[in-house]
Amino acid sequence: MRAYPLVRKATSRARNLRKRSTDAESILWNLLRNRQLVGHKFRRQVPIGKYIVDFLCVAGGLIVELDGGHHKEQMSYDSERTLFLESKGYRVLRFWNSQMLEEMDAVQEAILMALNESTPSP
């Protein structure tokens, strides 16, 4: 079965974004990959609808976004994007790249807290 053109385009764009990760994205990916964060599986640069999210934990229903300075000029776009993602059942955490670089432990703790809120106890 052939993929639809929009799906192929999103997948290709996501692959390109993975290759051109920012320093902050690379650092966060090293913390999240291979289930290193208390066993939670994350994927990076994942297409959801017309958007590509930075990091996604499907089981936890959590999206983590790292924003650079250009996001200050596109706050209405980011709000629209967040509303769409929330309508699909995801919670969205946003951090500035500088937070990831300067406050790595705090970012990691915030992600863990969000995952603990969404993960049911046995």
PDB file of N, CA and C in Angstrom:
ATOM      1  N   MET A   1       0.841  -1.177   0.000  1.00  0.00           N
ATOM      2  CA  MET A   1       0.000   0.000   0.000  1.00  0.00           C
ATOM      3  C   MET A   1       0.884   1.238   0.000  1.00  0.00           C
ATOM      4  N   ARG A   2       0.567   2.181  -0.819  1.00  0.00           N
ATOM      5  CA  ARG A   2       1.360   3.398  -0.924  1.00  0.00           C
ATOM      6  C   ARG A   2       0.893   4.440   0.089  1.00  0.00           C
ATOM      7  N   ALA A   3       1.843   5.159   0.625  1.00  0.00           N
ATOM      8  CA  ALA A   3       1.515   6.229   1.576  1.00  0.00           C
ATOM      9  C   ALA A   3       0.964   7.425   0.797  1.00  0.00           C
ATOM     10  N   TYR A   4       0.078   8.137   1.430  1.00  0.00           N
ATOM     11  CA  TYR A   4      -0.460   9.345   0.814  1.00  0.00           C
ATOM     12  C   TYR A   4       0.637  10.396   0.721  1.00  0.00           C
ATOM     13  N   PRO A   5       0.565  11.292  -0.281  1.00  0.00           N
ATOM     14  CA  PRO A   5       1.632  12.309  -0.446  1.00  0.00           C
ATOM     15  C   PRO A   5       1.878  13.142   0.804  1.00  0.00           C
ATOM     16  N   LEU A   6       0.818  13.534   1.528  1.00  0.00           N
ATOM     17  CA  LEU A   6       1.019  14.354   2.732  1.00  0.00           C
ATOM     18  C   LEU A   6       1.731  13.571   3.825  1.00  0.00           C
ATOM     19  N   VAL A   7       1.431  12.286   3.939  1.00  0.00           N
ATOM     20  CA  VAL A   7       2.085  11.445   4.942  1.00  0.00           C
ATOM     21  C   VAL A   7       3.556  11.299   4.602  1.00  0.00           C
ATOM     22  N   ARG A   8       3.843  11.049   3.327  1.00  0.00           N
ATOM     23  CA  ARG A   8       5.240  10.932   2.906  1.00  0.00           C
ATOM     24  C   ARG A   8       5.990  12.230   3.156  1.00  0.00           C
ATOM     25  N   LYS A   9       5.350  13.361   2.871  1.00  0.00           N
ATOM     26  CA  LYS A   9       5.996  14.656   3.072  1.00  0.00           C
ATOM     27  C   LYS A   9       6.288  14.884   4.558  1.00  0.00           C
ATOM     28  N   ALA A  10       5.327  14.570   5.428  1.00  0.00           N
ATOM     29  CA  ALA A  10       5.523  14.748   6.872  1.00  0.00           C
ATOM     30  C   ALA A  10       6.621  13.829   7.384  1.00  0.00           C
ATOM     31  N   THR A  11       6.638  12.593   6.912  1.00  0.00           N
ATOM     32  CA  THR A  11       7.662  11.643   7.339  1.00  0.00           C
ATOM     33  C   THR A  11       9.042  12.098   6.894  1.00  0.00           C
ATOM     34  N   SER A  12       9.128  12.578   5.673  1.00  0.00           N
ATOM     35  CA  SER A  12      10.402  13.074   5.157  1.00  0.00           C
ATOM     36  C   SER A  12      10.873  14.294   5.946  1.00  0.00           C
ATOM     37  N   ARG A  13       9.944  15.188   6.246  1.00  0.00           N
ATOM     38  CA  ARG A  13      10.290  16.383   7.029  1.00  0.00           C
ATOM     39  C   ARG A  13      10.741  15.994   8.439  1.00  0.00           C
ATOM     40  N   ALA A  14      10.060  15.020   9.038  1.00  0.00           N
ATOM     41  CA  ALA A  14      10.435  14.563  10.384  1.00  0.00           C
ATOM     42  C   ALA A  14      11.839  13.965  10.376  1.00  0.00           C
ATOM     43  N   ARG A  15      12.155  13.180   9.363  1.00  0.00           N
ATOM     44  CA  ARG A  15      13.506  12.612   9.257  1.00  0.00           C
ATOM     45  C   ARG A  15      14.553  13.718   9.150  1.00  0.00           C
ATOM     46  N   ASN A  16      14.245  14.723   8.363  1.00  0.00           N
ATOM     47  CA  ASN A  16      15.163  15.844   8.199  1.00  0.00           C
ATOM     48  C   ASN A  16      15.364  16.583   9.521  1.00  0.00           C
ATOM     49  N   LEU A  17      14.289  16.778  10.276  1.00  0.00           N
ATOM     50  CA  LEU A  17      14.398  17.446  11.578  1.00  0.00           C
ATOM     51  C   LEU A  17      15.237  16.627  12.550  1.00  0.00           C
ATOM     52  N   ARG A  18      15.120  15.300  12.496  1.00  0.00           N
ATOM     53  CA  ARG A  18      15.928  14.450  13.369  1.00  0.00           C
ATOM     54  C   ARG A  18      17.410  14.629  13.079  1.00  0.00           C
ATOM     55  N   LYS A  19      17.738  14.798  11.808  1.00  0.00           N
ATOM     56  CA  LYS A  19      19.145  14.959  11.419  1.00  0.00           C
ATOM     57  C   LYS A  19      19.698  16.320  11.836  1.00  0.00           C
ATOM     58  N   ARG A  20      18.813  17.320  11.974  1.00  0.00           N
ATOM     59  CA  ARG A  20      19.264  18.682  12.274  1.00  0.00           C
ATOM     60  C   ARG A  20      18.836  19.118  13.671  1.00  0.00           C
ATOM     61  N   SER A  21      18.952  18.255  14.639  1.00  0.00           N
ATOM     62  CA  SER A  21      18.541  18.565  16.009  1.00  0.00           C
ATOM     63  C   SER A  21      19.361  19.718  16.585  1.00  0.00           C
ATOM     64  N   THR A  22      18.701  20.516  17.413  1.00  0.00           N
ATOM     65  CA  THR A  22      19.415  21.561  18.141  1.00  0.00           C
ATOM     66  C   THR A  22      20.187  20.898  19.282  1.00  0.00           C
ATOM     67  N   ASP A  23      21.082  21.648  19.897  1.00  0.00           N
ATOM     68  CA  ASP A  23      21.824  21.117  21.050  1.00  0.00           C
ATOM     69  C   ASP A  23      20.856  20.697  22.166  1.00  0.00           C
ATOM     70  N   ALA A  24      19.855  21.531  22.421  1.00  0.00           N
ATOM     71  CA  ALA A  24      18.890  21.226  23.476  1.00  0.00           C
ATOM     72  C   ALA A  24      18.121  19.945  23.157  1.00  0.00           C
ATOM     73  N   GLU A  25      17.706  19.773  21.895  1.00  0.00           N
ATOM     74  CA  GLU A  25      16.990  18.559  21.500  1.00  0.00           C
ATOM     75  C   GLU A  25      17.879  17.325  21.654  1.00  0.00           C
ATOM     76  N   SER A  26      19.129  17.441  21.279  1.00  0.00           N
ATOM     77  CA  SER A  26      20.055  16.308  21.405  1.00  0.00           C
ATOM     78  C   SER A  26      20.245  15.904  22.860  1.00  0.00           C
ATOM     79  N   ILE A  27      20.366  16.891  23.740  1.00  0.00           N
ATOM     80  CA  ILE A  27      20.548  16.602  25.165  1.00  0.00           C
ATOM     81  C   ILE A  27      19.298  15.926  25.725  1.00  0.00           C
ATOM     82  N   LEU A  28      18.117  16.468  25.392  1.00  0.00           N
ATOM     83  CA  LEU A  28      16.890  15.870  25.899  1.00  0.00           C
ATOM     84  C   LEU A  28      16.696  14.467  25.330  1.00  0.00           C
ATOM     85  N   TRP A  29      16.997  14.278  24.060  1.00  0.00           N
ATOM     86  CA  TRP A  29      16.851  12.957  23.461  1.00  0.00           C
ATOM     87  C   TRP A  29      17.758  11.936  24.163  1.00  0.00           C
ATOM     88  N   ASN A  30      18.944  12.357  24.550  1.00  0.00           N
ATOM     89  CA  ASN A  30      19.842  11.449  25.270  1.00  0.00           C
ATOM     90  C   ASN A  30      19.288  11.051  26.634  1.00  0.00           C
ATOM     91  N   LEU A  31      18.444  11.898  27.216  1.00  0.00           N
ATOM     92  CA  LEU A  31      17.803  11.558  28.496  1.00  0.00           C
ATOM     93  C   LEU A  31      16.578  10.662  28.312  1.00  0.00           C
ATOM     94  N   LEU A  32      15.906  10.793  27.159  1.00  0.00           N
ATOM     95  CA  LEU A  32      14.642  10.101  26.942  1.00  0.00           C
ATOM     96  C   LEU A  32      14.760   8.790  26.172  1.00  0.00           C
ATOM     97  N   ARG A  33      15.769   8.673  25.336  1.00  0.00           N
ATOM     98  CA  ARG A  33      15.852   7.523  24.428  1.00  0.00           C
ATOM     99  C   ARG A  33      16.071   6.214  25.180  1.00  0.00           C
ATOM    100  N   ASN A  34      15.737   5.134  24.508  1.00  0.00           N
ATOM    101  CA  ASN A  34      15.929   3.777  25.047  1.00  0.00           C
ATOM    102  C   ASN A  34      15.287   3.555  26.411  1.00  0.00           C
ATOM    103  N   ARG A  35      14.134   4.182  26.627  1.00  0.00           N
ATOM    104  CA  ARG A  35      13.368   4.000  27.875  1.00  0.00           C
ATOM    105  C   ARG A  35      14.175   4.358  29.126  1.00  0.00           C
ATOM    106  N   GLN A  36      15.078   5.310  28.995  1.00  0.00           N
ATOM    107  CA  GLN A  36      15.940   5.680  30.124  1.00  0.00           C
ATOM    108  C   GLN A  36      15.202   6.448  31.210  1.00  0.00           C
ATOM    109  N   LEU A  37      14.082   7.050  30.869  1.00  0.00           N
ATOM    110  CA  LEU A  37      13.332   7.830  31.849  1.00  0.00           C
ATOM    111  C   LEU A  37      12.273   6.919  32.487  1.00  0.00           C
ATOM    112  N   VAL A  38      12.673   6.179  33.500  1.00  0.00           N
ATOM    113  CA  VAL A  38      11.817   5.277  34.263  1.00  0.00           C
ATOM    114  C   VAL A  38      10.994   4.370  33.343  1.00  0.00           C
ATOM    115  N   GLY A  39      11.602   3.916  32.261  1.00  0.00           N
ATOM    116  CA  GLY A  39      10.971   2.940  31.385  1.00  0.00           C
ATOM    117  C   GLY A  39       9.972   3.480  30.378  1.00  0.00           C
ATOM    118  N   HIS A  40       9.793   4.791  30.318  1.00  0.00           N
ATOM    119  CA  HIS A  40       8.840   5.378  29.379  1.00  0.00           C
ATOM    120  C   HIS A  40       9.463   5.465  27.985  1.00  0.00           C
ATOM    121  N   LYS A  41       8.724   4.987  26.983  1.00  0.00           N
ATOM    122  CA  LYS A  41       9.213   5.015  25.607  1.00  0.00           C
ATOM    123  C   LYS A  41       8.833   6.334  24.951  1.00  0.00           C
ATOM    124  N   PHE A  42       9.835   7.014  24.438  1.00  0.00           N
ATOM    125  CA  PHE A  42       9.637   8.256  23.696  1.00  0.00           C
ATOM    126  C   PHE A  42      10.070   8.074  22.256  1.00  0.00           C
ATOM    127  N   ARG A  43       9.415   8.797  21.390  1.00  0.00           N
ATOM    128  CA  ARG A  43       9.826   8.907  19.989  1.00  0.00           C
ATOM    129  C   ARG A  43      10.082  10.390  19.735  1.00  0.00           C
ATOM    130  N   ARG A  44      10.892  10.690  18.734  1.00  0.00           N
ATOM    131  CA  ARG A  44      11.162  12.105  18.459  1.00  0.00           C
ATOM    132  C   ARG A  44      10.774  12.469  17.034  1.00  0.00           C
ATOM    133  N   GLN A  45      10.424  13.745  16.866  1.00  0.00           N
ATOM    134  CA  GLN A  45      10.014  14.297  15.586  1.00  0.00           C
ATOM    135  C   GLN A  45       8.941  13.420  14.945  1.00  0.00           C
ATOM    136  N   VAL A  46       7.784  13.382  15.600  1.00  0.00           N
ATOM    137  CA  VAL A  46       6.692  12.510  15.192  1.00  0.00           C
ATOM    138  C   VAL A  46       5.572  13.334  14.562  1.00  0.00           C
ATOM    139  N   PRO A  47       5.154  12.986  13.336  1.00  0.00           N
ATOM    140  CA  PRO A  47       4.017  13.674  12.718  1.00  0.00           C
ATOM    141  C   PRO A  47       2.705  13.310  13.424  1.00  0.00           C
ATOM    142  N   ILE A  48       1.930  14.330  13.772  1.00  0.00           N
ATOM    143  CA  ILE A  48       0.569  14.162  14.284  1.00  0.00           C
ATOM    144  C   ILE A  48      -0.284  15.184  13.543  1.00  0.00           C
ATOM    145  N   GLY A  49      -1.143  14.699  12.688  1.00  0.00           N
ATOM    146  CA  GLY A  49      -1.909  15.600  11.838  1.00  0.00           C
ATOM    147  C   GLY A  49      -0.956  16.381  10.961  1.00  0.00           C
ATOM    148  N   LYS A  50      -1.149  17.684  10.891  1.00  0.00           N
ATOM    149  CA  LYS A  50      -0.272  18.514  10.058  1.00  0.00           C
ATOM    150  C   LYS A  50       0.954  19.027  10.811  1.00  0.00           C
ATOM    151  N   TYR A  51       1.111  18.592  12.045  1.00  0.00           N
ATOM    152  CA  TYR A  51       2.216  19.052  12.882  1.00  0.00           C
ATOM    153  C   TYR A  51       3.247  17.950  13.108  1.00  0.00           C
ATOM    154  N   ILE A  52       4.452  18.354  13.447  1.00  0.00           N
ATOM    155  CA  ILE A  52       5.491  17.413  13.861  1.00  0.00           C
ATOM    156  C   ILE A  52       5.902  17.816  15.262  1.00  0.00           C
ATOM    157  N   VAL A  53       5.734  16.884  16.203  1.00  0.00           N
ATOM    158  CA  VAL A  53       6.055  17.176  17.598  1.00  0.00           C
ATOM    159  C   VAL A  53       7.480  16.742  17.895  1.00  0.00           C
ATOM    160  N   ASP A  54       8.129  17.435  18.818  1.00  0.00           N
ATOM    161  CA  ASP A  54       9.528  17.141  19.136  1.00  0.00           C
ATOM    162  C   ASP A  54       9.684  15.764  19.779  1.00  0.00           C
ATOM    163  N   PHE A  55       8.957  15.507  20.873  1.00  0.00           N
ATOM    164  CA  PHE A  55       9.084  14.246  21.599  1.00  0.00           C
ATOM    165  C   PHE A  55       7.699  13.775  22.004  1.00  0.00           C
ATOM    166  N   LEU A  56       7.448  12.488  21.833  1.00  0.00           N
ATOM    167  CA  LEU A  56       6.132  11.928  22.123  1.00  0.00           C
ATOM    168  C   LEU A  56       6.266  10.640  22.925  1.00  0.00           C
ATOM    169  N   CYS A  57       5.513  10.568  24.017  1.00  0.00           N
ATOM    170  CA  CYS A  57       5.354   9.336  24.775  1.00  0.00           C
ATOM    171  C   CYS A  57       3.886   8.942  24.602  1.00  0.00           C
ATOM    172  N   VAL A  58       3.638   7.971  23.722  1.00  0.00           N
ATOM    173  CA  VAL A  58       2.272   7.576  23.408  1.00  0.00           C
ATOM    174  C   VAL A  58       1.573   7.032  24.648  1.00  0.00           C
ATOM    175  N   ALA A  59       2.223   6.106  25.361  1.00  0.00           N
ATOM    176  CA  ALA A  59       1.609   5.473  26.529  1.00  0.00           C
ATOM    177  C   ALA A  59       1.262   6.497  27.615  1.00  0.00           C
ATOM    178  N   GLY A  60       2.085   7.519  27.757  1.00  0.00           N
ATOM    179  CA  GLY A  60       1.844   8.546  28.757  1.00  0.00           C
ATOM    180  C   GLY A  60       0.983   9.687  28.253  1.00  0.00           C
ATOM    181  N   GLY A  61       0.660   9.673  26.951  1.00  0.00           N
ATOM    182  CA  GLY A  61      -0.156  10.741  26.380  1.00  0.00           C
ATOM    183  C   GLY A  61       0.508  12.099  26.490  1.00  0.00           C
ATOM    184  N   LEU A  62       1.837  12.113  26.385  1.00  0.00           N
ATOM    185  CA  LEU A  62       2.594  13.339  26.643  1.00  0.00           C
ATOM    186  C   LEU A  62       3.447  13.736  25.450  1.00  0.00           C
ATOM    187  N   ILE A  63       3.387  15.006  25.125  1.00  0.00           N
ATOM    188  CA  ILE A  63       4.243  15.609  24.104  1.00  0.00           C
ATOM    189  C   ILE A  63       5.133  16.622  24.800  1.00  0.00           C
ATOM    190  N   VAL A  64       6.425  16.581  24.497  1.00  0.00           N
ATOM    191  CA  VAL A  64       7.376  17.556  25.040  1.00  0.00           C
ATOM    192  C   VAL A  64       7.924  18.354  23.875  1.00  0.00           C
ATOM    193  N   GLU A  65       7.799  19.664  23.973  1.00  0.00           N
ATOM    194  CA  GLU A  65       8.267  20.572  22.930  1.00  0.00           C
ATOM    195  C   GLU A  65       9.395  21.435  23.470  1.00  0.00           C
ATOM    196  N   LEU A  66      10.442  21.593  22.693  1.00  0.00           N
ATOM    197  CA  LEU A  66      11.523  22.524  23.018  1.00  0.00           C
ATOM    198  C   LEU A  66      11.446  23.670  22.024  1.00  0.00           C
ATOM    199  N   ASP A  67      11.337  24.880  22.542  1.00  0.00           N
ATOM    200  CA  ASP A  67      11.147  26.051  21.702  1.00  0.00           C
ATOM    201  C   ASP A  67      12.366  26.948  21.703  1.00  0.00           C
ATOM    202  N   GLY A  68      12.752  27.385  20.520  1.00  0.00           N
ATOM    203  CA  GLY A  68      13.819  28.363  20.365  1.00  0.00           C
ATOM    204  C   GLY A  68      13.242  29.765  20.379  1.00  0.00           C
ATOM    205  N   GLY A  69      14.092  30.745  20.192  1.00  0.00           N
ATOM    206  CA  GLY A  69      13.684  32.145  20.237  1.00  0.00           C
ATOM    207  C   GLY A  69      12.628  32.526  19.221  1.00  0.00           C
ATOM    208  N   HIS A  70      12.599  31.850  18.085  1.00  0.00           N
ATOM    209  CA  HIS A  70      11.626  32.206  17.043  1.00  0.00           C
ATOM    210  C   HIS A  70      10.183  31.947  17.487  1.00  0.00           C
ATOM    211  N   HIS A  71       9.997  31.168  18.526  1.00  0.00           N
ATOM    212  CA  HIS A  71       8.641  30.890  19.005  1.00  0.00           C
ATOM    213  C   HIS A  71       8.011  32.107  19.682  1.00  0.00           C
ATOM    214  N   LYS A  72       8.816  33.094  20.070  1.00  0.00           N
ATOM    215  CA  LYS A  72       8.259  34.306  20.664  1.00  0.00           C
ATOM    216  C   LYS A  72       7.389  35.048  19.655  1.00  0.00           C
ATOM    217  N   GLU A  73       7.735  34.926  18.375  1.00  0.00           N
ATOM    218  CA  GLU A  73       6.986  35.612  17.322  1.00  0.00           C
ATOM    219  C   GLU A  73       5.810  34.788  16.812  1.00  0.00           C
ATOM    220  N   GLN A  74       5.689  33.553  17.217  1.00  0.00           N
ATOM    221  CA  GLN A  74       4.617  32.697  16.694  1.00  0.00           C
ATOM    222  C   GLN A  74       3.762  32.100  17.796  1.00  0.00           C
ATOM    223  N   MET A  75       3.480  32.890  18.816  1.00  0.00           N
ATOM    224  CA  MET A  75       2.731  32.384  19.961  1.00  0.00           C
ATOM    225  C   MET A  75       1.314  31.965  19.588  1.00  0.00           C
ATOM    226  N   SER A  76       0.650  32.679  18.673  1.00  0.00           N
ATOM    227  CA  SER A  76      -0.713  32.283  18.293  1.00  0.00           C
ATOM    228  C   SER A  76      -0.681  30.956  17.531  1.00  0.00           C
ATOM    229  N   TYR A  77       0.330  30.750  16.696  1.00  0.00           N
ATOM    230  CA  TYR A  77       0.479  29.468  15.985  1.00  0.00           C
ATOM    231  C   TYR A  77       0.701  28.343  16.988  1.00  0.00           C
ATOM    232  N   ASP A  78       1.565  28.566  17.970  1.00  0.00           N
ATOM    233  CA  ASP A  78       1.838  27.543  18.985  1.00  0.00           C
ATOM    234  C   ASP A  78       0.589  27.236  19.807  1.00  0.00           C
ATOM    235  N   SER A  79      -0.213  28.250  20.105  1.00  0.00           N
ATOM    236  CA  SER A  79      -1.458  28.034  20.857  1.00  0.00           C
ATOM    237  C   SER A  79      -2.432  27.186  20.048  1.00  0.00           C
ATOM    238  N   GLU A  80      -2.556  27.493  18.758  1.00  0.00           N
ATOM    239  CA  GLU A  80      -3.424  26.714  17.869  1.00  0.00           C
ATOM    240  C   GLU A  80      -2.952  25.262  17.796  1.00  0.00           C
ATOM    241  N   ARG A  81      -1.660  25.108  17.684  1.00  0.00           N
ATOM    242  CA  ARG A  81      -1.043  23.786  17.604  1.00  0.00           C
ATOM    243  C   ARG A  81      -1.292  22.985  18.880  1.00  0.00           C
ATOM    244  N   THR A  82      -1.113  23.630  20.018  1.00  0.00           N
ATOM    245  CA  THR A  82      -1.343  22.982  21.303  1.00  0.00           C
ATOM    246  C   THR A  82      -2.804  22.568  21.449  1.00  0.00           C
ATOM    247  N   LEU A  83      -3.723  23.432  21.060  1.00  0.00           N
ATOM    248  CA  LEU A  83      -5.149  23.091  21.137  1.00  0.00           C
ATOM    249  C   LEU A  83      -5.472  21.877  20.278  1.00  0.00           C
ATOM    250  N   PHE A  84      -4.894  21.805  19.081  1.00  0.00           N
ATOM    251  CA  PHE A  84      -5.107  20.653  18.210  1.00  0.00           C
ATOM    252  C   PHE A  84      -4.586  19.377  18.875  1.00  0.00           C
ATOM    253  N   LEU A  85      -3.369  19.438  19.391  1.00  0.00           N
ATOM    254  CA  LEU A  85      -2.759  18.255  20.012  1.00  0.00           C
ATOM    255  C   LEU A  85      -3.540  17.819  21.248  1.00  0.00           C
ATOM    256  N   GLU A  86      -4.016  18.777  22.029  1.00  0.00           N
ATOM    257  CA  GLU A  86      -4.830  18.445  23.193  1.00  0.00           C
ATOM    258  C   GLU A  86      -6.163  17.822  22.775  1.00  0.00           C
ATOM    259  N   SER A  87      -6.711  18.269  21.649  1.00  0.00           N
ATOM    260  CA  SER A  87      -7.965  17.686  21.151  1.00  0.00           C
ATOM    261  C   SER A  87      -7.779  16.228  20.739  1.00  0.00           C
ATOM    262  N   LYS A  88      -6.555  15.835  20.491  1.00  0.00           N
ATOM    263  CA  LYS A  88      -6.234  14.446  20.156  1.00  0.00           C
ATOM    264  C   LYS A  88      -5.918  13.622  21.403  1.00  0.00           C
ATOM    265  N   GLY A  89      -6.042  14.240  22.586  1.00  0.00           N
ATOM    266  CA  GLY A  89      -5.859  13.514  23.835  1.00  0.00           C
ATOM    267  C   GLY A  89      -4.478  13.623  24.453  1.00  0.00           C
ATOM    268  N   TYR A  90      -3.613  14.467  23.921  1.00  0.00           N
ATOM    269  CA  TYR A  90      -2.262  14.612  24.457  1.00  0.00           C
ATOM    270  C   TYR A  90      -2.172  15.810  25.384  1.00  0.00           C
ATOM    271  N   ARG A  91      -1.265  15.721  26.348  1.00  0.00           N
ATOM    272  CA  ARG A  91      -0.873  16.886  27.141  1.00  0.00           C
ATOM    273  C   ARG A  91       0.427  17.385  26.548  1.00  0.00           C
ATOM    274  N   VAL A  92       0.599  18.689  26.517  1.00  0.00           N
ATOM    275  CA  VAL A  92       1.783  19.283  25.894  1.00  0.00           C
ATOM    276  C   VAL A  92       2.572  20.058  26.943  1.00  0.00           C
ATOM    277  N   LEU A  93       3.849  19.696  27.090  1.00  0.00           N
ATOM    278  CA  LEU A  93       4.772  20.446  27.937  1.00  0.00           C
ATOM    279  C   LEU A  93       5.708  21.212  27.021  1.00  0.00           C
ATOM    280  N   ARG A  94       5.890  22.481  27.297  1.00  0.00           N
ATOM    281  CA  ARG A  94       6.796  23.309  26.494  1.00  0.00           C
ATOM    282  C   ARG A  94       7.901  23.862  27.372  1.00  0.00           C
ATOM    283  N   PHE A  95       9.106  23.798  26.839  1.00  0.00           N
ATOM    284  CA  PHE A  95      10.261  24.371  27.509  1.00  0.00           C
ATOM    285  C   PHE A  95      11.041  25.174  26.483  1.00  0.00           C
ATOM    286  N   TRP A  96      11.714  26.204  26.947  1.00  0.00           N
ATOM    287  CA  TRP A  96      12.636  26.941  26.089  1.00  0.00           C
ATOM    288  C   TRP A  96      13.928  26.132  25.970  1.00  0.00           C
ATOM    289  N   ASN A  97      14.590  26.252  24.835  1.00  0.00           N
ATOM    290  CA  ASN A  97      15.886  25.585  24.657  1.00  0.00           C
ATOM    291  C   ASN A  97      16.832  25.953  25.793  1.00  0.00           C
ATOM    292  N   SER A  98      16.817  27.215  26.190  1.00  0.00           N
ATOM    293  CA  SER A  98      17.723  27.663  27.252  1.00  0.00           C
ATOM    294  C   SER A  98      17.428  26.958  28.574  1.00  0.00           C
ATOM    295  N   GLN A  99      16.154  26.647  28.843  1.00  0.00           N
ATOM    296  CA  GLN A  99      15.822  25.897  30.054  1.00  0.00           C
ATOM    297  C   GLN A  99      16.466  24.515  30.012  1.00  0.00           C
ATOM    298  N   MET A 100      16.395  23.873  28.858  1.00  0.00           N
ATOM    299  CA  MET A 100      16.976  22.542  28.727  1.00  0.00           C
ATOM    300  C   MET A 100      18.479  22.594  28.931  1.00  0.00           C
ATOM    301  N   LEU A 101      19.114  23.621  28.409  1.00  0.00           N
ATOM    302  CA  LEU A 101      20.568  23.736  28.509  1.00  0.00           C
ATOM    303  C   LEU A 101      21.036  24.142  29.908  1.00  0.00           C
ATOM    304  N   GLU A 102      20.242  24.966  30.599  1.00  0.00           N
ATOM    305  CA  GLU A 102      20.670  25.513  31.879  1.00  0.00           C
ATOM    306  C   GLU A 102      20.025  24.837  33.095  1.00  0.00           C
ATOM    307  N   GLU A 103      18.861  24.206  32.897  1.00  0.00           N
ATOM    308  CA  GLU A 103      18.120  23.614  34.010  1.00  0.00           C
ATOM    309  C   GLU A 103      17.675  22.197  33.670  1.00  0.00           C
ATOM    310  N   MET A 104      18.600  21.395  33.193  1.00  0.00           N
ATOM    311  CA  MET A 104      18.293  20.050  32.709  1.00  0.00           C
ATOM    312  C   MET A 104      17.563  19.211  33.764  1.00  0.00           C
ATOM    313  N   ASP A 105      18.015  19.257  34.999  1.00  0.00           N
ATOM    314  CA  ASP A 105      17.388  18.453  36.047  1.00  0.00           C
ATOM    315  C   ASP A 105      15.939  18.877  36.289  1.00  0.00           C
ATOM    316  N   ALA A 106      15.667  20.174  36.254  1.00  0.00           N
ATOM    317  CA  ALA A 106      14.311  20.675  36.469  1.00  0.00           C
ATOM    318  C   ALA A 106      13.391  20.261  35.322  1.00  0.00           C
ATOM    319  N   VAL A 107      13.890  20.296  34.098  1.00  0.00           N
ATOM    320  CA  VAL A 107      13.102  19.876  32.938  1.00  0.00           C
ATOM    321  C   VAL A 107      12.785  18.384  33.053  1.00  0.00           C
ATOM    322  N   GLN A 108      13.789  17.602  33.379  1.00  0.00           N
ATOM    323  CA  GLN A 108      13.596  16.164  33.518  1.00  0.00           C
ATOM    324  C   GLN A 108      12.578  15.863  34.621  1.00  0.00           C
ATOM    325  N   GLU A 109      12.661  16.566  35.726  1.00  0.00           N
ATOM    326  CA  GLU A 109      11.723  16.367  36.833  1.00  0.00           C
ATOM    327  C   GLU A 109      10.294  16.736  36.422  1.00  0.00           C
ATOM    328  N   ALA A 110      10.127  17.815  35.666  1.00  0.00           N
ATOM    329  CA  ALA A 110       8.796  18.227  35.198  1.00  0.00           C
ATOM    330  C   ALA A 110       8.196  17.169  34.271  1.00  0.00           C
ATOM    331  N   ILE A 111       9.019  16.585  33.423  1.00  0.00           N
ATOM    332  CA  ILE A 111       8.549  15.528  32.525  1.00  0.00           C
ATOM    333  C   ILE A 111       8.130  14.303  33.337  1.00  0.00           C
ATOM    334  N   LEU A 112       8.949  13.932  34.306  1.00  0.00           N
ATOM    335  CA  LEU A 112       8.612  12.791  35.171  1.00  0.00           C
ATOM    336  C   LEU A 112       7.304  13.018  35.927  1.00  0.00           C
ATOM    337  N   MET A 113       7.117  14.209  36.457  1.00  0.00           N
ATOM    338  CA  MET A 113       5.888  14.531  37.183  1.00  0.00           C
ATOM    339  C   MET A 113       4.680  14.404  36.262  1.00  0.00           C
ATOM    340  N   ALA A 114       4.808  14.913  35.046  1.00  0.00           N
ATOM    341  CA  ALA A 114       3.704  14.829  34.077  1.00  0.00           C
ATOM    342  C   ALA A 114       3.393  13.383  33.725  1.00  0.00           C
ATOM    343  N   LEU A 115       4.416  12.580  33.554  1.00  0.00           N
ATOM    344  CA  LEU A 115       4.204  11.165  33.238  1.00  0.00           C
ATOM    345  C   LEU A 115       3.569  10.436  34.420  1.00  0.00           C
ATOM    346  N   ASN A 116       3.972  10.766  35.638  1.00  0.00           N
ATOM    347  CA  ASN A 116       3.397  10.123  36.822  1.00  0.00           C
ATOM    348  C   ASN A 116       1.925  10.480  36.992  1.00  0.00           C
ATOM    349  N   GLU A 117       1.558  11.684  36.570  1.00  0.00           N
ATOM    350  CA  GLU A 117       0.152  12.102  36.653  1.00  0.00           C
ATOM    351  C   GLU A 117      -0.709  11.302  35.699  1.00  0.00           C
ATOM    352  N   SER A 118      -0.127  10.902  34.557  1.00  0.00           N
ATOM    353  CA  SER A 118      -0.929  10.221  33.538  1.00  0.00           C
ATOM    354  C   SER A 118      -0.829   8.714  33.600  1.00  0.00           C
ATOM    355  N   THR A 119       0.132   8.181  34.341  1.00  0.00           N
ATOM    356  CA  THR A 119       0.323   6.734  34.398  1.00  0.00           C
ATOM    357  C   THR A 119      -0.422   6.170  35.586  1.00  0.00           C
ATOM    358  N   PRO A 120      -1.394   5.280  35.338  1.00  0.00           N
ATOM    359  CA  PRO A 120      -2.138   4.711  36.466  1.00  0.00           C
ATOM    360  C   PRO A 120      -1.281   3.799  37.329  1.00  0.00           C
ATOM    361  N   SER A 121      -1.577   3.772  38.609  1.00  0.00           N
ATOM    362  CA  SER A 121      -0.869   2.888  39.538  1.00  0.00           C
ATOM    363  C   SER A 121      -1.357   1.456  39.347  1.00  0.00           C
ATOM    364  N   PRO A 122      -0.486   0.471  39.574  1.00  0.00           N
ATOM    365  CA  PRO A 122      -0.916  -0.937  39.415  1.00  0.00           C
ATOM    366  C   PRO A 122      -1.890  -1.366  40.493  1.00  0.00           C
TER     367      PRO A 122
END
